[in-house]
Amino acid sequence: MGNALNHYLKPDVTPGPDVVPSFDPMLGFGSRKERVMIATEEEMVSAKLTAKERDYCAHKLLAYRGCRAEKFPFVYQCAHEKHDYLTCEYEDYVLRMKEFERERRLLERQKRLDKQG
C-alpha cells in the first residue's frame, strides 16, 4: 500500500516525513549503536555542501569531491570513492525506511493495545 494512501486511510498510525520518533530507540533491541556524524560542521561549510548533502554520508562525499579535484580531468579514477558514497547513501535510505516502518508498526501496536485495555 502506498504511503500517501496509507496516510489518508490511517493518519493516526502513519508517521509523517518530519516526525521525531516517539518511542524509545532501544525498545526491542539488546544493544544498538548510535549513529554519529564523521564530517564536522566546519568541514561541510568549507566544502560548501548544501543542506541536502549534509547527512551521515558527508564524509564520503568530501572524499569523492577531493578525489575528483585531485585527479581532474581523469575523474574515472575516482570510481571507488563514488561507489563508496553511493553505497552509503543507499544504506542510509534503507535505514531511514526501516525506522519509518518500525515507528509505524509501534504506533499500530500501541493503538491496538489501547483499544484492548
C-alpha atoms as a PDB file:
ATOM      1  CA  MET A   1       0.000   0.000   0.000  1.00  0.00           C
ATOM      2  CA  GLY A   2       1.365   3.401  -0.893  1.00  0.00           C
ATOM      3  CA  ASN A   3       2.441   5.816   1.794  1.00  0.00           C
ATOM      4  CA  ALA A   4       0.081   8.590   0.636  1.00  0.00           C
ATOM      5  CA  LEU A   5      -2.921   6.267   0.633  1.00  0.00           C
ATOM      6  CA  ASN A   6      -1.920   4.802   3.974  1.00  0.00           C
ATOM      7  CA  HIS A   7      -1.526   8.320   5.408  1.00  0.00           C
ATOM      8  CA  TYR A   8      -5.042   9.138   4.173  1.00  0.00           C
ATOM      9  CA  LEU A   9      -6.664   5.924   5.436  1.00  0.00           C
ATOM     10  CA  LYS A  10      -4.772   5.628   8.748  1.00  0.00           C
ATOM     11  CA  PRO A  11      -3.464   9.089   9.690  1.00  0.00           C
ATOM     12  CA  ASP A  12      -3.200   8.227  13.386  1.00  0.00           C
ATOM     13  CA  VAL A  13      -0.714   5.375  12.843  1.00  0.00           C
ATOM     14  CA  THR A  14       1.266   6.727   9.871  1.00  0.00           C
ATOM     15  CA  PRO A  15       4.178   8.952  10.891  1.00  0.00           C
ATOM     16  CA  GLY A  16       4.866  11.983   8.742  1.00  0.00           C
ATOM     17  CA  PRO A  17       8.181  12.603   6.986  1.00  0.00           C
ATOM     18  CA  ASP A  18       9.398  15.129   9.568  1.00  0.00           C
ATOM     19  CA  VAL A  19       8.135  13.417  12.732  1.00  0.00           C
ATOM     20  CA  VAL A  20      10.616  12.733  15.512  1.00  0.00           C
ATOM     21  CA  PRO A  21      10.378   9.092  16.700  1.00  0.00           C
ATOM     22  CA  SER A  22       8.033   8.859  19.671  1.00  0.00           C
ATOM     23  CA  PHE A  23       9.284   5.524  21.015  1.00  0.00           C
ATOM     24  CA  ASP A  24      12.462   4.578  22.826  1.00  0.00           C
ATOM     25  CA  PRO A  25      15.116   3.780  20.191  1.00  0.00           C
ATOM     26  CA  MET A  26      16.305   0.846  22.324  1.00  0.00           C
ATOM     27  CA  LEU A  27      12.823  -0.730  22.560  1.00  0.00           C
ATOM     28  CA  GLY A  28      13.179  -4.321  21.357  1.00  0.00           C
ATOM     29  CA  PHE A  29      16.962  -4.166  20.958  1.00  0.00           C
ATOM     30  CA  GLY A  30      19.606  -5.665  23.221  1.00  0.00           C
ATOM     31  CA  SER A  31      22.247  -3.219  22.111  1.00  0.00           C
ATOM     32  CA  ARG A  32      22.204  -0.644  19.359  1.00  0.00           C
ATOM     33  CA  LYS A  33      24.899   1.765  18.182  1.00  0.00           C
ATOM     34  CA  GLU A  34      24.017   5.429  17.913  1.00  0.00           C
ATOM     35  CA  ARG A  35      24.829   6.985  14.555  1.00  0.00           C
ATOM     36  CA  VAL A  36      27.426   9.734  14.607  1.00  0.00           C
ATOM     37  CA  MET A  37      28.448  12.287  12.025  1.00  0.00           C
ATOM     38  CA  ILE A  38      32.048  11.801  10.932  1.00  0.00           C
ATOM     39  CA  ALA A  39      32.354  15.031   8.948  1.00  0.00           C
ATOM     40  CA  THR A  40      32.373  18.125  11.132  1.00  0.00           C
ATOM     41  CA  GLU A  41      30.235  21.195  10.521  1.00  0.00           C
ATOM     42  CA  GLU A  42      33.380  23.179   9.801  1.00  0.00           C
ATOM     43  CA  GLU A  43      34.461  20.767   7.050  1.00  0.00           C
ATOM     44  CA  MET A  44      30.993  20.813   5.473  1.00  0.00           C
ATOM     45  CA  VAL A  45      30.859  24.614   5.478  1.00  0.00           C
ATOM     46  CA  SER A  46      34.331  24.938   3.972  1.00  0.00           C
ATOM     47  CA  ALA A  47      33.397  22.406   1.246  1.00  0.00           C
ATOM     48  CA  LYS A  48      30.187  24.388   0.571  1.00  0.00           C
ATOM     49  CA  LEU A  49      27.909  21.376   0.957  1.00  0.00           C
ATOM     50  CA  THR A  50      24.237  22.137   0.546  1.00  0.00           C
ATOM     51  CA  ALA A  51      21.776  21.294   3.319  1.00  0.00           C
ATOM     52  CA  LYS A  52      20.624  18.256   1.353  1.00  0.00           C
ATOM     53  CA  GLU A  53      24.186  16.894   1.216  1.00  0.00           C
ATOM     54  CA  ARG A  54      24.860  17.287   4.951  1.00  0.00           C
ATOM     55  CA  ASP A  55      23.894  13.803   6.041  1.00  0.00           C
ATOM     56  CA  TYR A  56      25.650  10.786   7.551  1.00  0.00           C
ATOM     57  CA  CYS A  57      27.480  10.203   4.241  1.00  0.00           C
ATOM     58  CA  ALA A  58      29.002  13.676   4.016  1.00  0.00           C
ATOM     59  CA  HIS A  59      32.498  12.373   4.806  1.00  0.00           C
ATOM     60  CA  LYS A  60      32.316  10.041   1.789  1.00  0.00           C
ATOM     61  CA  LEU A  61      31.096  12.882  -0.411  1.00  0.00           C
ATOM     62  CA  LEU A  62      34.015  15.037   0.733  1.00  0.00           C
ATOM     63  CA  ALA A  63      36.437  12.231  -0.138  1.00  0.00           C
ATOM     64  CA  TYR A  64      34.809  11.805  -3.546  1.00  0.00           C
ATOM     65  CA  ARG A  65      34.909  15.520  -4.353  1.00  0.00           C
ATOM     66  CA  GLY A  66      38.520  15.732  -3.165  1.00  0.00           C
ATOM     67  CA  CYS A  67      39.450  12.854  -5.439  1.00  0.00           C
ATOM     68  CA  ARG A  68      37.710  14.496  -8.396  1.00  0.00           C
ATOM     69  CA  ALA A  69      39.588  17.743  -7.779  1.00  0.00           C
ATOM     70  CA  GLU A  70      42.905  15.893  -7.448  1.00  0.00           C
ATOM     71  CA  LYS A  71      42.518  13.594 -10.479  1.00  0.00           C
ATOM     72  CA  PHE A  72      40.801  16.018 -12.861  1.00  0.00           C
ATOM     73  CA  PRO A  73      40.367  15.508 -15.860  1.00  0.00           C
ATOM     74  CA  PHE A  74      40.729  11.766 -15.209  1.00  0.00           C
ATOM     75  CA  VAL A  75      37.737  11.571 -12.889  1.00  0.00           C
ATOM     76  CA  TYR A  76      37.070   7.968 -13.865  1.00  0.00           C
ATOM     77  CA  GLN A  77      39.880   7.113 -11.450  1.00  0.00           C
ATOM     78  CA  CYS A  78      37.553   8.101  -8.594  1.00  0.00           C
ATOM     79  CA  ALA A  79      35.077   5.301  -9.288  1.00  0.00           C
ATOM     80  CA  HIS A  80      35.858   3.631  -5.959  1.00  0.00           C
ATOM     81  CA  GLU A  81      35.098   6.791  -3.958  1.00  0.00           C
ATOM     82  CA  LYS A  82      31.916   7.352  -5.959  1.00  0.00           C
ATOM     83  CA  HIS A  83      30.816   3.775  -5.293  1.00  0.00           C
ATOM     84  CA  ASP A  84      31.512   4.179  -1.571  1.00  0.00           C
ATOM     85  CA  TYR A  85      29.457   7.372  -1.453  1.00  0.00           C
ATOM     86  CA  LEU A  86      26.507   5.945  -3.393  1.00  0.00           C
ATOM     87  CA  THR A  87      26.539   2.766  -1.290  1.00  0.00           C
ATOM     88  CA  CYS A  88      26.496   4.867   1.872  1.00  0.00           C
ATOM     89  CA  GLU A  89      23.560   6.896   0.544  1.00  0.00           C
ATOM     90  CA  TYR A  90      21.653   3.707  -0.292  1.00  0.00           C
ATOM     91  CA  GLU A  91      22.308   2.172   3.138  1.00  0.00           C
ATOM     92  CA  ASP A  92      21.205   5.419   4.798  1.00  0.00           C
ATOM     93  CA  TYR A  93      17.985   5.345   2.759  1.00  0.00           C
ATOM     94  CA  VAL A  94      17.297   1.727   3.738  1.00  0.00           C
ATOM     95  CA  LEU A  95      17.916   2.524   7.407  1.00  0.00           C
ATOM     96  CA  ARG A  96      15.533   5.503   7.282  1.00  0.00           C
ATOM     97  CA  MET A  97      12.833   3.317   5.678  1.00  0.00           C
ATOM     98  CA  LYS A  98      13.329   0.682   8.388  1.00  0.00           C
ATOM     99  CA  GLU A  99      12.996   3.360  11.075  1.00  0.00           C
ATOM    100  CA  PHE A 100       9.815   4.650   9.437  1.00  0.00           C
ATOM    101  CA  GLU A 101       8.348   1.143   9.279  1.00  0.00           C
ATOM    102  CA  ARG A 102       9.350   0.475  12.900  1.00  0.00           C
ATOM    103  CA  GLU A 103       7.635   3.669  14.042  1.00  0.00           C
ATOM    104  CA  ARG A 104       4.500   2.821  12.035  1.00  0.00           C
ATOM    105  CA  ARG A 105       4.301  -0.700  13.452  1.00  0.00           C
ATOM    106  CA  LEU A 106       4.841   0.522  17.023  1.00  0.00           C
ATOM    107  CA  LEU A 107       2.076   3.100  16.561  1.00  0.00           C
ATOM    108  CA  GLU A 108      -0.268   0.378  15.301  1.00  0.00           C
ATOM    109  CA  ARG A 109       0.705  -1.834  18.251  1.00  0.00           C
ATOM    110  CA  GLN A 110       0.091   0.991  20.718  1.00  0.00           C
ATOM    111  CA  LYS A 111      -3.320   1.709  19.155  1.00  0.00           C
ATOM    112  CA  ARG A 112      -4.244  -2.000  19.313  1.00  0.00           C
ATOM    113  CA  LEU A 113      -3.170  -2.249  22.974  1.00  0.00           C
ATOM    114  CA  ASP A 114      -5.061   0.927  23.896  1.00  0.00           C
ATOM    115  CA  LYS A 115      -8.157  -0.491  22.236  1.00  0.00           C
ATOM    116  CA  GLN A 116      -7.882  -3.782  24.177  1.00  0.00           C
ATOM    117  CA  GLY A 117      -7.327  -2.308  27.592  1.00  0.00           C
END
